[in-house]
């Protein structure tokens, strides 16, 4: 067998890639598995989005290669969206780079800015892709603690200690996945000042800012943030378009240009119909978010009830499309997840996959209809009360 590259030595298959095979196997055997582990919106995009895709697809000129930077109209729509909801002014020509989802952007940023051996600050718990991409480019992951007793915000004394040893890039993600914690403007401003002080590229991954939040917040709205920070955003969660693969990178022209060097050598622009659909989504009014959040609020209340039934305590102030719940002290999350999957045919996510500080927690997705959540509750209630 031809040996794989050394860069894969410390990279494991994505947890959900592996676990979903188990789920598929159970389904193929006839078991009605309820998947509450994945944050893939089950609700459809707005009809205007579908119509824009369909009408564009009928055009004979719509099927060729597209610009690496996206069509001007898409960048203008992103700019207008940022101004309207975040009060952030972005130049469409050079401060916005459409991406095929945030995951692609994480890789492109890492390739653009990280040399082998560079140190990267990664949240614990946090999105596993930050770690895997860091490993793939030969950089070194340095984990900073996020803990419940500190509202899942960084400990700045710890960050200062890490910075003394040299850090090139730092990933942050608020509203936070998996915990749903929100960062105040003051906390984000402190992160900006920290990054400036130590000359660290700060990247905020911001796909959840419209889901069950009280305030729409972009790090780029803060004083001096553009000097040192980039922001990722996505239409996947906000507009129920995960399979469309539409995201964006926003920030200072010099930073964006370096990422474009990578992107232009790795892929081409997204299909024109998808770009037009994205424009239609970005132009939706406030009622879209209100309607979506009303659905998620109702689902979240049922998930709270479900979590409490299995002895978990939920943070009822969190945002985003997940419910993060703390288990009783002696409960093993991995064992509980397998018990629910193989005995009750309910799939949820163990907090352990997000880092050591996720141990003792579980995560539920809100991307499940109310009737299905009730079915999950009934299964557990029936099995656990015998």
Protein backbone atom coordinates (compact mmCIF):
# COMPACT_ATOMS: atom_id res chain seq x y z
CA UNK A 1 0.00 0.00 0.00
CA UNK A 2 1.18 3.50 -0.82
CA UNK A 3 1.72 5.33 2.45
CA UNK A 4 -0.34 8.47 3.06
CA UNK A 5 1.28 11.83 3.69
CA UNK A 6 2.67 12.51 7.17
CA UNK A 7 0.18 15.37 7.54
CA UNK A 8 -2.55 12.79 8.09
CA UNK A 9 -0.80 11.18 11.06
CA UNK A 10 -2.65 13.30 13.60
CA UNK A 11 -5.87 13.79 11.63
CA UNK A 12 -8.79 11.50 12.31
CA UNK A 13 -11.92 11.00 10.25
CA UNK A 14 -14.54 13.58 11.22
CA UNK A 15 -16.66 12.21 14.09
CA UNK A 16 -19.95 12.71 12.29
CA UNK A 17 -18.65 11.02 9.15
CA UNK A 18 -17.98 7.90 11.18
CA UNK A 19 -21.02 8.04 13.47
CA UNK A 20 -23.49 8.64 10.67
CA UNK A 21 -22.40 5.33 9.13
CA UNK A 22 -23.59 3.68 12.34
CA UNK A 23 -26.85 5.59 12.10
CA UNK A 24 -27.27 4.56 8.46
CA UNK A 25 -26.58 0.91 9.33
CA UNK A 26 -29.28 0.95 12.02
CA UNK A 27 -31.74 2.54 9.60
CA UNK A 28 -30.94 -0.07 6.95
CA UNK A 29 -31.72 -2.74 9.54
CA UNK A 30 -35.14 -1.20 9.97
CA UNK A 31 -34.62 0.85 13.13
CA UNK A 32 -36.35 4.28 13.10
CA UNK A 33 -33.39 6.39 14.24
CA UNK A 34 -34.13 9.97 15.25
CA UNK A 35 -31.10 12.11 14.38
CA UNK A 36 -30.71 14.95 16.87
CA UNK A 37 -26.95 15.18 16.49
CA UNK A 38 -26.42 17.22 13.32
CA UNK A 39 -26.99 20.95 12.83
CA UNK A 40 -28.39 20.59 9.32
CA UNK A 41 -31.53 22.76 9.02
CA UNK A 42 -34.57 20.69 8.10
CA UNK A 43 -36.61 23.76 7.15
CA UNK A 44 -36.53 24.90 3.50
CA UNK A 45 -35.09 28.16 2.20
CA UNK A 46 -37.52 30.96 1.39
CA UNK A 47 -39.49 30.44 -1.82
CA UNK A 48 -37.83 33.52 -3.33
CA UNK A 49 -34.48 31.78 -2.98
CA UNK A 50 -35.72 28.68 -4.81
CA UNK A 51 -37.27 30.81 -7.53
CA UNK A 52 -34.01 32.71 -8.06
CA UNK A 53 -32.12 29.43 -8.42
CA UNK A 54 -34.69 27.96 -10.80
CA UNK A 55 -35.02 30.99 -13.05
CA UNK A 56 -31.26 31.46 -13.32
CA UNK A 57 -30.79 27.79 -14.15
CA UNK A 58 -32.93 28.25 -17.26
CA UNK A 59 -30.56 30.79 -18.71
CA UNK A 60 -28.22 29.41 -21.36
CA UNK A 61 -25.36 31.58 -20.11
CA UNK A 62 -25.63 30.42 -16.48
CA UNK A 63 -23.59 27.23 -16.66
CA UNK A 64 -20.06 28.42 -17.31
CA UNK A 65 -17.22 29.14 -14.94
CA UNK A 66 -17.82 32.01 -12.54
CA UNK A 67 -15.51 34.57 -11.02
CA UNK A 68 -13.41 33.41 -8.07
CA UNK A 69 -14.69 36.46 -6.20
CA UNK A 70 -18.34 35.88 -7.01
CA UNK A 71 -20.47 38.16 -9.15
CA UNK A 72 -20.48 41.84 -8.12
CA UNK A 73 -24.17 41.66 -7.23
CA UNK A 74 -23.49 38.97 -4.61
CA UNK A 75 -20.71 40.98 -2.98
CA UNK A 76 -22.95 44.04 -3.00
CA UNK A 77 -25.74 42.03 -1.35
CA UNK A 78 -23.34 40.85 1.35
CA UNK A 79 -22.17 44.41 1.88
CA UNK A 80 -25.75 45.67 2.21
CA UNK A 81 -26.57 42.82 4.61
CA UNK A 82 -23.61 43.65 6.86
CA UNK A 83 -24.52 47.33 6.88
CA UNK A 84 -28.19 46.69 7.64
CA UNK A 85 -27.84 44.12 10.41
CA UNK A 86 -24.34 44.60 11.86
CA UNK A 87 -23.76 48.31 11.07
CA UNK A 88 -20.49 47.31 9.40
CA UNK A 89 -19.34 49.01 6.21
CA UNK A 90 -17.62 46.64 3.76
CA UNK A 91 -16.30 47.54 0.31
CA UNK A 92 -17.79 44.99 -2.12
CA UNK A 93 -14.77 45.17 -4.40
CA UNK A 94 -12.07 44.04 -1.96
CA UNK A 95 -13.37 43.43 1.58
CA UNK A 96 -15.67 40.50 0.78
CA UNK A 97 -14.79 37.09 -0.61
CA UNK A 98 -17.66 34.62 -1.19
CA UNK A 99 -16.79 31.11 -0.08
CA UNK A 100 -18.18 27.63 -0.60
CA UNK A 101 -19.09 27.45 3.07
CA UNK A 102 -17.15 28.31 6.22
CA UNK A 103 -15.26 25.02 6.26
CA UNK A 104 -13.59 25.90 2.95
CA UNK A 105 -12.71 29.31 4.35
CA UNK A 106 -11.06 27.78 7.43
CA UNK A 107 -8.78 25.77 5.16
CA UNK A 108 -8.01 28.70 2.84
CA UNK A 109 -7.19 31.07 5.71
CA UNK A 110 -4.92 28.46 7.27
CA UNK A 111 -3.09 27.84 3.99
CA UNK A 112 -2.72 31.57 3.44
CA UNK A 113 -1.31 32.44 6.86
CA UNK A 114 0.17 29.41 8.59
CA UNK A 115 3.62 27.94 8.10
CA UNK A 116 4.60 24.54 9.51
CA UNK A 117 5.18 24.92 13.23
CA UNK A 118 3.17 28.14 13.65
CA UNK A 119 1.02 28.11 16.77
CA UNK A 120 -2.74 28.50 16.59
CA UNK A 121 -5.08 29.27 19.48
CA UNK A 122 -8.13 27.00 19.31
CA UNK A 123 -11.11 27.03 21.71
CA UNK A 124 -11.69 24.04 23.99
CA UNK A 125 -14.51 23.13 23.51
CA UNK A 126 -14.79 24.20 19.90
CA UNK A 127 -15.46 23.25 16.30
CA UNK A 128 -13.24 20.21 15.51
CA UNK A 129 -12.37 21.51 12.04
CA UNK A 130 -10.14 24.23 13.56
CA UNK A 131 -7.90 21.47 14.89
CA UNK A 132 -7.96 19.18 11.87
CA UNK A 133 -7.13 21.98 9.43
CA UNK A 134 -4.34 23.22 11.71
CA UNK A 135 -2.86 19.72 11.68
CA UNK A 136 -3.26 19.39 7.91
CA UNK A 137 -1.18 22.50 7.23
CA UNK A 138 1.52 21.42 9.70
CA UNK A 139 0.81 24.10 12.30
CA UNK A 140 0.53 23.45 16.04
CA UNK A 141 -2.76 23.61 17.93
CA UNK A 142 -2.68 25.40 21.29
CA UNK A 143 -5.95 25.01 23.17
CA UNK A 144 -7.36 27.81 25.30
CA UNK A 145 -9.95 26.95 27.92
CA UNK A 146 -13.60 27.87 27.76
CA UNK A 147 -15.48 26.84 30.88
CA UNK A 148 -19.02 27.11 32.16
CA UNK A 149 -17.99 28.98 35.30
CA UNK A 150 -16.56 31.73 33.07
CA UNK A 151 -19.64 31.81 30.80
CA UNK A 152 -17.59 29.99 28.13
CA UNK A 153 -15.43 33.07 27.57
CA UNK A 154 -11.61 33.01 27.37
CA UNK A 155 -9.41 33.40 30.42
CA UNK A 156 -7.23 36.35 29.43
CA UNK A 157 -4.50 35.49 31.92
CA UNK A 158 -4.15 32.14 30.17
CA UNK A 159 -4.15 33.83 26.76
CA UNK A 160 -1.37 36.17 27.85
CA UNK A 161 0.71 33.18 28.95
CA UNK A 162 0.24 31.52 25.57
CA UNK A 163 1.04 34.73 23.70
CA UNK A 164 4.46 34.91 25.36
CA UNK A 165 5.39 31.73 23.48
CA UNK A 166 4.37 33.08 20.09
CA UNK A 167 0.95 32.73 18.45
CA UNK A 168 0.19 33.40 14.77
CA UNK A 169 -3.59 32.97 14.55
CA UNK A 170 -6.56 32.63 16.92
CA UNK A 171 -9.98 31.12 16.22
CA UNK A 172 -13.01 32.44 18.07
CA UNK A 173 -16.66 31.57 17.49
CA UNK A 174 -19.53 33.55 19.04
CA UNK A 175 -22.36 32.73 19.40
CA UNK A 176 -20.34 29.73 20.41
CA UNK A 177 -20.68 26.23 19.05
CA UNK A 178 -21.27 23.86 20.81
CA UNK A 179 -22.30 25.72 23.99
CA UNK A 180 -24.46 28.50 22.52
CA UNK A 181 -22.70 31.07 24.71
CA UNK A 182 -22.76 34.71 23.63
CA UNK A 183 -19.87 37.14 23.89
CA UNK A 184 -20.47 40.71 24.96
CA UNK A 185 -19.09 43.60 22.94
CA UNK A 186 -16.72 44.24 25.82
CA UNK A 187 -15.33 40.69 25.68
CA UNK A 188 -14.87 40.85 21.92
CA UNK A 189 -13.21 44.25 22.19
CA UNK A 190 -10.81 42.79 24.73
CA UNK A 191 -9.99 40.01 22.27
CA UNK A 192 -9.31 42.58 19.56
CA UNK A 193 -6.94 44.48 21.85
CA UNK A 194 -5.21 41.22 22.84
CA UNK A 195 -4.70 40.28 19.19
CA UNK A 196 -3.34 43.74 18.35
CA UNK A 197 -0.96 43.70 21.29
CA UNK A 198 0.56 40.38 20.25
CA UNK A 199 0.18 40.71 16.46
CA UNK A 200 -2.15 37.72 16.17
CA UNK A 201 -4.60 37.27 13.29
CA UNK A 202 -8.00 36.96 14.99
CA UNK A 203 -10.69 35.07 13.05
CA UNK A 204 -14.30 35.11 14.23
CA UNK A 205 -16.47 32.29 12.87
CA UNK A 206 -19.96 33.79 13.01
CA UNK A 207 -22.65 31.53 11.46
CA UNK A 208 -25.12 31.59 14.38
CA UNK A 209 -25.65 35.31 14.98
CA UNK A 210 -29.29 35.32 13.81
CA UNK A 211 -30.52 32.20 15.60
CA UNK A 212 -32.19 32.80 18.97
CA UNK A 213 -30.01 35.82 19.69
CA UNK A 214 -30.98 39.14 21.24
CA UNK A 215 -28.43 41.13 19.24
CA UNK A 216 -26.80 40.73 15.85
CA UNK A 217 -23.09 41.20 16.42
CA UNK A 218 -20.08 41.21 14.12
CA UNK A 219 -16.58 41.57 15.48
CA UNK A 220 -15.87 43.93 12.58
CA UNK A 221 -18.20 46.49 14.17
CA UNK A 222 -15.75 47.03 17.02
CA UNK A 223 -13.09 49.74 17.17
CA UNK A 224 -9.91 48.74 15.37
CA UNK A 225 -11.12 45.21 14.60
CA UNK A 226 -10.49 45.45 10.86
CA UNK A 227 -6.81 46.04 11.55
CA UNK A 228 -6.34 42.56 13.01
CA UNK A 229 -9.53 40.50 12.52
CA UNK A 230 -11.31 38.54 9.83
CA UNK A 231 -14.87 37.25 10.03
CA UNK A 232 -16.48 34.19 8.50
CA UNK A 233 -20.20 33.99 7.95
CA UNK A 234 -22.53 31.56 6.28
CA UNK A 235 -25.98 31.21 4.74
CA UNK A 236 -26.21 27.57 5.85
CA UNK A 237 -27.85 28.12 9.24
CA UNK A 238 -29.32 31.59 8.84
CA UNK A 239 -31.17 30.86 5.61
CA UNK A 240 -31.60 27.05 5.72
CA UNK A 241 -29.12 26.53 2.87
CA UNK A 242 -26.45 24.10 4.19
CA UNK A 243 -26.25 22.05 1.00
CA UNK A 244 -25.86 25.14 -1.16
CA UNK A 245 -22.40 25.78 0.32
CA UNK A 246 -22.48 29.57 0.50
CA UNK A 247 -20.32 31.45 2.94
CA UNK A 248 -18.21 34.58 3.03
CA UNK A 249 -14.96 35.96 4.34
CA UNK A 250 -14.97 39.62 5.34
CA UNK A 251 -12.17 41.91 6.40
CA UNK A 252 -9.34 44.22 5.45
CA UNK A 253 -8.44 44.12 1.73
CA UNK A 254 -4.84 43.04 2.37
CA UNK A 255 -5.97 40.02 4.40
CA UNK A 256 -8.71 39.04 1.94
CA UNK A 257 -6.33 39.29 -1.01
CA UNK A 258 -3.95 36.74 0.52
CA UNK A 259 -6.81 34.26 0.97
CA UNK A 260 -7.90 34.86 -2.62
CA UNK A 261 -4.45 33.72 -3.77
CA UNK A 262 -5.19 30.34 -2.23
CA UNK A 263 -8.82 30.08 -3.28
CA UNK A 264 -8.14 30.98 -6.90
CA UNK A 265 -5.72 28.05 -7.15
CA UNK A 266 -8.02 25.52 -5.47
CA UNK A 267 -11.52 26.02 -6.86
CA UNK A 268 -13.62 28.10 -9.20
CA UNK A 269 -16.56 30.35 -8.43
CA UNK A 270 -19.90 28.89 -7.32
CA UNK A 271 -22.71 28.18 -9.78
CA UNK A 272 -24.50 31.34 -10.91
CA UNK A 273 -27.90 30.03 -9.82
CA UNK A 274 -26.62 29.51 -6.29
CA UNK A 275 -25.22 33.04 -6.25
CA UNK A 276 -28.56 34.48 -7.34
CA UNK A 277 -30.32 32.39 -4.71
CA UNK A 278 -27.91 33.73 -2.10
CA UNK A 279 -28.69 37.30 -3.17
CA UNK A 280 -32.41 36.62 -2.75
CA UNK A 281 -31.77 35.23 0.74
CA UNK A 282 -29.64 38.17 1.83
CA UNK A 283 -32.38 40.56 0.72
CA UNK A 284 -35.12 38.98 2.87
CA UNK A 285 -36.60 41.23 5.54
CA UNK A 286 -36.68 40.92 9.32
CA UNK A 287 -39.80 38.72 9.27
CA UNK A 288 -37.71 35.82 7.96
CA UNK A 289 -35.62 35.71 11.14
CA UNK A 290 -38.66 36.16 13.37
CA UNK A 291 -40.54 33.27 11.77
CA UNK A 292 -37.51 30.98 11.89
CA UNK A 293 -36.80 31.79 15.53
CA UNK A 294 -40.41 31.18 16.54
CA UNK A 295 -40.00 27.64 15.24
CA UNK A 296 -36.70 27.16 17.05
CA UNK A 297 -38.09 28.56 20.31
CA UNK A 298 -40.87 25.98 20.34
CA UNK A 299 -38.47 23.19 19.52
CA UNK A 300 -36.00 24.33 22.15
CA UNK A 301 -38.61 24.15 24.91
CA UNK A 302 -39.32 20.53 23.99
CA UNK A 303 -35.59 19.75 23.87
CA UNK A 304 -35.17 21.23 27.35
CA UNK A 305 -37.88 18.86 28.54
CA UNK A 306 -36.17 15.93 26.81
CA UNK A 307 -32.75 16.79 28.24
CA UNK A 308 -34.13 17.10 31.74
CA UNK A 309 -35.78 13.69 31.39
CA UNK A 310 -32.37 12.05 31.03
CA UNK A 311 -30.93 14.02 33.92
CA UNK A 312 -29.19 16.85 32.05
CA UNK A 313 -29.20 20.53 33.00
CA UNK A 314 -29.60 23.03 30.16
CA UNK A 315 -28.31 26.57 29.85
CA UNK A 316 -31.49 28.45 28.98
CA UNK A 317 -29.71 31.68 28.03
CA UNK A 318 -27.81 30.25 25.07
CA UNK A 319 -28.20 31.01 21.36
CA UNK A 320 -27.72 29.11 18.12
CA UNK A 321 -29.37 25.97 16.84
CA UNK A 322 -28.22 23.59 19.57
CA UNK A 323 -29.02 22.87 23.19
CA UNK A 324 -25.94 22.24 25.34
CA UNK A 325 -26.64 20.30 28.52
CA UNK A 326 -24.55 19.26 31.51
CA UNK A 327 -24.88 15.70 32.75
CA UNK A 328 -24.78 14.40 36.31
CA UNK A 329 -21.21 14.14 37.54
CA UNK A 330 -20.77 10.38 37.14
CA UNK A 331 -22.56 10.02 33.80
CA UNK A 332 -20.30 9.10 30.87
CA UNK A 333 -21.44 11.11 27.82
CA UNK A 334 -20.08 8.62 25.28
CA UNK A 335 -21.79 5.71 27.02
CA UNK A 336 -25.03 7.66 27.26
CA UNK A 337 -24.93 8.56 23.56
CA UNK A 338 -24.47 4.90 22.60
CA UNK A 339 -27.21 3.80 24.99
CA UNK A 340 -29.65 6.26 23.43
CA UNK A 341 -28.61 5.25 19.93
CA UNK A 342 -28.72 1.48 20.29
CA UNK A 343 -31.51 1.12 22.84
CA UNK A 344 -33.79 4.06 22.00
CA UNK A 345 -32.64 4.79 18.45
CA UNK A 346 -31.98 8.45 19.22
CA UNK A 347 -28.71 10.04 18.11
CA UNK A 348 -27.31 12.99 20.05
CA UNK A 349 -23.77 14.34 20.25
CA UNK A 350 -21.33 13.82 23.15
CA UNK A 351 -19.55 16.96 24.27
CA UNK A 352 -16.23 15.11 24.29
CA UNK A 353 -15.81 15.46 20.51
CA UNK A 354 -15.44 19.23 20.92
CA UNK A 355 -12.51 19.00 23.34
CA UNK A 356 -11.69 17.93 26.87
CA UNK A 357 -13.77 20.76 28.35
CA UNK A 358 -16.79 19.24 26.63
CA UNK A 359 -16.59 16.12 28.80
CA UNK A 360 -19.67 15.79 30.95
CA UNK A 361 -21.93 17.52 28.41
CA UNK A 362 -24.18 16.52 25.54
CA UNK A 363 -25.55 18.49 22.60
CA UNK A 364 -28.96 18.35 20.91
CA UNK A 365 -29.77 19.83 17.51
CA UNK A 366 -32.87 21.97 17.01
CA UNK A 367 -33.10 20.81 13.39
CA UNK A 368 -35.85 18.32 14.21
CA UNK A 369 -39.65 18.83 13.94
CA UNK A 370 -41.62 19.16 17.17
CA UNK A 371 -43.47 15.91 16.52
CA UNK A 372 -40.16 14.06 16.22
CA UNK A 373 -38.82 15.61 19.43
CA UNK A 374 -42.01 14.48 21.18
CA UNK A 375 -41.50 10.99 19.77
CA UNK A 376 -37.96 10.97 21.19
CA UNK A 377 -39.31 12.06 24.58
CA UNK A 378 -41.95 9.32 24.50
CA UNK A 379 -39.34 6.68 23.69
CA UNK A 380 -37.14 7.75 26.57
CA UNK A 381 -40.04 8.18 28.95
CA UNK A 382 -41.30 4.70 28.15
CA UNK A 383 -37.92 2.98 28.35
CA UNK A 384 -36.52 4.83 31.36
CA UNK A 385 -39.59 4.51 33.56
CA UNK A 386 -39.89 0.75 33.30
